[in-house]
Every structure is written in structure tokens, then in C-alpha cells.
C-alpha atoms as a PDB file:
ATOM      1  CA  MET A   1     -19.472  -4.305 -29.512  1.00  0.00           C
ATOM      2  CA  ASN A   2     -20.215  -0.650 -30.003  1.00  0.00           C
ATOM      3  CA  SER A   3     -19.239   2.427 -28.052  1.00  0.00           C
ATOM      4  CA  ASN A   4     -19.961   6.129 -27.953  1.00  0.00           C
ATOM      5  CA  LEU A   5     -18.054   9.077 -26.547  1.00  0.00           C
ATOM      6  CA  LEU A   6     -20.166  11.946 -25.275  1.00  0.00           C
ATOM      7  CA  ASN A   7     -18.580  15.187 -24.073  1.00  0.00           C
ATOM      8  CA  ARG A   8     -19.924  17.076 -21.046  1.00  0.00           C
ATOM      9  CA  GLU A   9     -18.192  17.861 -17.759  1.00  0.00           C
ATOM     10  CA  PHE A  10     -16.820  14.347 -18.145  1.00  0.00           C
ATOM     11  CA  ALA A  11     -16.378  11.949 -21.047  1.00  0.00           C
ATOM     12  CA  THR A  12     -18.661   8.929 -21.202  1.00  0.00           C
ATOM     13  CA  PHE A  13     -17.501   5.721 -22.852  1.00  0.00           C
ATOM     14  CA  GLN A  14     -20.325   3.229 -23.455  1.00  0.00           C
ATOM     15  CA  PRO A  15     -19.325  -0.298 -24.474  1.00  0.00           C
ATOM     16  CA  GLN A  16     -22.108  -2.636 -25.537  1.00  0.00           C
ATOM     17  CA  GLY A  17     -22.718  -6.362 -25.664  1.00  0.00           C
ATOM     18  CA  TYR A  18     -20.060  -8.848 -24.658  1.00  0.00           C
ATOM     19  CA  LEU A  19     -16.560  -7.901 -23.487  1.00  0.00           C
ATOM     20  CA  SER A  20     -14.690 -11.113 -24.121  1.00  0.00           C
ATOM     21  CA  ALA A  21     -11.593 -12.588 -25.730  1.00  0.00           C
ATOM     22  CA  ALA A  22     -13.318 -12.187 -29.096  1.00  0.00           C
ATOM     23  CA  ASN A  23     -13.339  -8.378 -28.879  1.00  0.00           C
ATOM     24  CA  ALA A  24     -11.107  -7.366 -25.955  1.00  0.00           C
ATOM     25  CA  LYS A  25      -8.446  -5.927 -28.269  1.00  0.00           C
ATOM     26  CA  GLU A  26     -11.047  -3.794 -30.090  1.00  0.00           C
ATOM     27  CA  PHE A  27     -12.507  -2.654 -26.761  1.00  0.00           C
ATOM     28  CA  LEU A  28      -9.071  -1.648 -25.455  1.00  0.00           C
ATOM     29  CA  GLN A  29      -8.290   0.225 -28.667  1.00  0.00           C
ATOM     30  CA  GLN A  30     -11.580   2.153 -28.467  1.00  0.00           C
ATOM     31  CA  LEU A  31     -11.092   2.915 -24.778  1.00  0.00           C
ATOM     32  CA  THR A  32      -7.527   4.183 -25.207  1.00  0.00           C
ATOM     33  CA  GLU A  33      -8.637   6.280 -28.183  1.00  0.00           C
ATOM     34  CA  ALA A  34     -11.431   7.762 -26.062  1.00  0.00           C
ATOM     35  CA  VAL A  35      -8.967   8.597 -23.285  1.00  0.00           C
ATOM     36  CA  GLU A  36      -6.498  10.153 -25.742  1.00  0.00           C
ATOM     37  CA  THR A  37      -9.059  12.323 -27.531  1.00  0.00           C
ATOM     38  CA  SER A  38     -10.959  13.504 -24.473  1.00  0.00           C
ATOM     39  CA  ASN A  39     -10.280  16.954 -23.090  1.00  0.00           C
ATOM     40  CA  ASN A  40     -12.030  15.995 -19.869  1.00  0.00           C
ATOM     41  CA  PRO A  41     -10.084  14.921 -16.779  1.00  0.00           C
ATOM     42  CA  SER A  42     -12.768  12.357 -15.881  1.00  0.00           C
ATOM     43  CA  ILE A  43     -13.830   9.351 -17.953  1.00  0.00           C
ATOM     44  CA  LEU A  44     -16.983   7.451 -17.012  1.00  0.00           C
ATOM     45  CA  ILE A  45     -17.330   3.948 -18.437  1.00  0.00           C
ATOM     46  CA  ASP A  46     -21.089   3.348 -18.551  1.00  0.00           C
ATOM     47  CA  MET A  47     -21.590  -0.418 -18.642  1.00  0.00           C
ATOM     48  CA  LYS A  48     -25.390  -0.507 -18.740  1.00  0.00           C
ATOM     49  CA  GLU A  49     -25.302  -2.172 -22.189  1.00  0.00           C
ATOM     50  CA  VAL A  50     -22.620  -4.741 -21.262  1.00  0.00           C
ATOM     51  CA  GLU A  51     -24.273  -8.138 -20.916  1.00  0.00           C
ATOM     52  CA  PHE A  52     -21.186 -10.240 -20.194  1.00  0.00           C
ATOM     53  CA  MET A  53     -17.498  -9.817 -19.430  1.00  0.00           C
ATOM     54  CA  ASP A  54     -14.841 -12.517 -19.177  1.00  0.00           C
ATOM     55  CA  SER A  55     -11.245 -12.357 -17.944  1.00  0.00           C
ATOM     56  CA  ALA A  56      -9.983 -11.008 -21.291  1.00  0.00           C
ATOM     57  CA  GLY A  57     -12.520  -8.177 -21.145  1.00  0.00           C
ATOM     58  CA  LEU A  58     -11.511  -7.493 -17.564  1.00  0.00           C
ATOM     59  CA  MET A  59      -7.823  -7.370 -18.525  1.00  0.00           C
ATOM     60  CA  ALA A  60      -8.603  -4.925 -21.337  1.00  0.00           C
ATOM     61  CA  LEU A  61     -10.455  -2.746 -18.840  1.00  0.00           C
ATOM     62  CA  ILE A  62      -7.479  -2.839 -16.460  1.00  0.00           C
ATOM     63  CA  GLU A  63      -5.062  -1.941 -19.275  1.00  0.00           C
ATOM     64  CA  GLY A  64      -7.323   0.941 -20.275  1.00  0.00           C
ATOM     65  CA  PHE A  65      -7.451   2.085 -16.661  1.00  0.00           C
ATOM     66  CA  ARG A  66      -3.640   2.058 -16.447  1.00  0.00           C
ATOM     67  CA  PHE A  67      -3.383   4.006 -19.696  1.00  0.00           C
ATOM     68  CA  ALA A  68      -5.852   6.586 -18.370  1.00  0.00           C
ATOM     69  CA  GLN A  69      -3.772   6.970 -15.214  1.00  0.00           C
ATOM     70  CA  GLU A  70      -0.675   7.600 -17.339  1.00  0.00           C
ATOM     71  CA  MET A  71      -2.654  10.284 -19.196  1.00  0.00           C
ATOM     72  CA  LYS A  72      -3.666  11.828 -15.829  1.00  0.00           C
ATOM     73  CA  ARG A  73      -7.336  10.922 -16.284  1.00  0.00           C
ATOM     74  CA  ASN A  74      -9.698   9.701 -13.573  1.00  0.00           C
ATOM     75  CA  VAL A  75     -11.704   6.633 -14.563  1.00  0.00           C
ATOM     76  CA  SER A  76     -14.973   5.549 -12.975  1.00  0.00           C
ATOM     77  CA  ILE A  77     -17.477   2.858 -13.916  1.00  0.00           C
ATOM     78  CA  CYS A  78     -21.261   2.893 -13.619  1.00  0.00           C
ATOM     79  CA  SER A  79     -24.376   0.823 -14.293  1.00  0.00           C
ATOM     80  CA  VAL A  80     -22.693  -2.561 -13.929  1.00  0.00           C
ATOM     81  CA  ALA A  81     -24.885  -5.649 -14.378  1.00  0.00           C
ATOM     82  CA  PRO A  82     -25.008  -7.945 -11.315  1.00  0.00           C
ATOM     83  CA  SER A  83     -23.095 -10.764 -13.045  1.00  0.00           C
ATOM     84  CA  VAL A  84     -20.335  -8.370 -14.141  1.00  0.00           C
ATOM     85  CA  ARG A  85     -20.249  -6.731 -10.719  1.00  0.00           C
ATOM     86  CA  MET A  86     -19.679 -10.160  -9.195  1.00  0.00           C
ATOM     87  CA  LEU A  87     -16.561 -10.480 -11.366  1.00  0.00           C
ATOM     88  CA  PHE A  88     -15.275  -7.167  -9.976  1.00  0.00           C
ATOM     89  CA  GLU A  89     -15.981  -8.343  -6.422  1.00  0.00           C
ATOM     90  CA  LEU A  90     -14.398 -11.793  -6.853  1.00  0.00           C
ATOM     91  CA  THR A  91     -11.221 -10.228  -8.230  1.00  0.00           C
ATOM     92  CA  GLN A  92     -11.402  -7.433  -5.626  1.00  0.00           C
ATOM     93  CA  LEU A  93     -11.251  -4.871  -8.419  1.00  0.00           C
ATOM     94  CA  ASP A  94     -14.251  -3.166  -6.867  1.00  0.00           C
ATOM     95  CA  ASN A  95     -11.611  -1.747  -4.492  1.00  0.00           C
ATOM     96  CA  VAL A  96      -9.587  -0.392  -7.432  1.00  0.00           C
ATOM     97  CA  PHE A  97     -12.303   1.110  -9.615  1.00  0.00           C
ATOM     98  CA  ASN A  98     -14.780   3.750  -8.488  1.00  0.00           C
ATOM     99  CA  ILE A  99     -18.050   1.985  -9.273  1.00  0.00           C
ATOM    100  CA  PHE A 100     -21.337   3.900  -9.240  1.00  0.00           C
ATOM    101  CA  ASP A 101     -24.900   2.627  -9.562  1.00  0.00           C
ATOM    102  CA  SER A 102     -25.730   5.054 -12.390  1.00  0.00           C
ATOM    103  CA  GLN A 103     -24.553   8.138 -14.249  1.00  0.00           C
ATOM    104  CA  ASP A 104     -26.734  10.208 -11.919  1.00  0.00           C
ATOM    105  CA  SER A 105     -24.996   8.843  -8.823  1.00  0.00           C
ATOM    106  CA  PHE A 106     -21.607   9.495 -10.470  1.00  0.00           C
ATOM    107  CA  VAL A 107     -22.593  13.096 -11.148  1.00  0.00           C
ATOM    108  CA  ALA A 108     -23.949  13.543  -7.625  1.00  0.00           C
ATOM    109  CA  GLU A 109     -20.871  12.085  -5.908  1.00  0.00           C
ATOM    110  CA  ALA A 110     -17.913  12.693  -8.219  1.00  0.00           C
ATOM    111  CA  VAL A 111     -18.606  15.700 -10.402  1.00  0.00           C
ATOM    112  CA  ALA A 112     -20.388  17.710  -7.718  1.00  0.00           C
ATOM    113  CA  ALA A 113     -17.499  17.170  -5.280  1.00  0.00           C
END
């Protein structure tokens, strides 16, 4: 798994590959570090490079989301693969996270608001 943090009007966190029990701890550490070091009030998790996510990856994402809330950061997700999106829908976490089709739709709806 790899990730990047890009600074603009919002911070973008870009995990890659598989988010699973094998790397959930590393993912959570990188996400919390990104939240801590960002000066932006909004964090966008761009999941276009995430091929698979299991329950451990989902729990790491939830823990990162809670940490961001404690740090007074807004977290949104974009570019979710259909199989990963199904996981969000089955767990009803699509009602918790702001999920956008792409970075462009996030910018149009969230940043422009």
C-alpha cells in the first residue's frame, strides 16, 4: 500500500492496492498522520487505486474518520470501486461518509459550497 498527501484547498489522501488485515494498521497510521499534519479543514480520501477492502480495512477507515472528527476535520471519500462501494452500502456506512464519484464532483459539491 502506498499513499500521497497533496495540499490544495483540501488535503488528498490516496491509498493504493489492498486495504486488508495485512496492512490496516499501516493504513490507519498513514491516515492519522495525514490528518495531523494537514492545515486544511477538509480531507479527501481518493480511493481510485484501492482494489480491495476487507473488514479490517473498513475498521481502519472508521478509526481514521473518528480521529479526523476529533481534530475538527471533515472527511470525504471519492472514486470508490464498485466492489468497495458495495461494502459501504452493506454496512450502511454510505450514510456516514460523504462519498463522491470523483475529485471533480467533490470540488464541485463540497469545496464550492
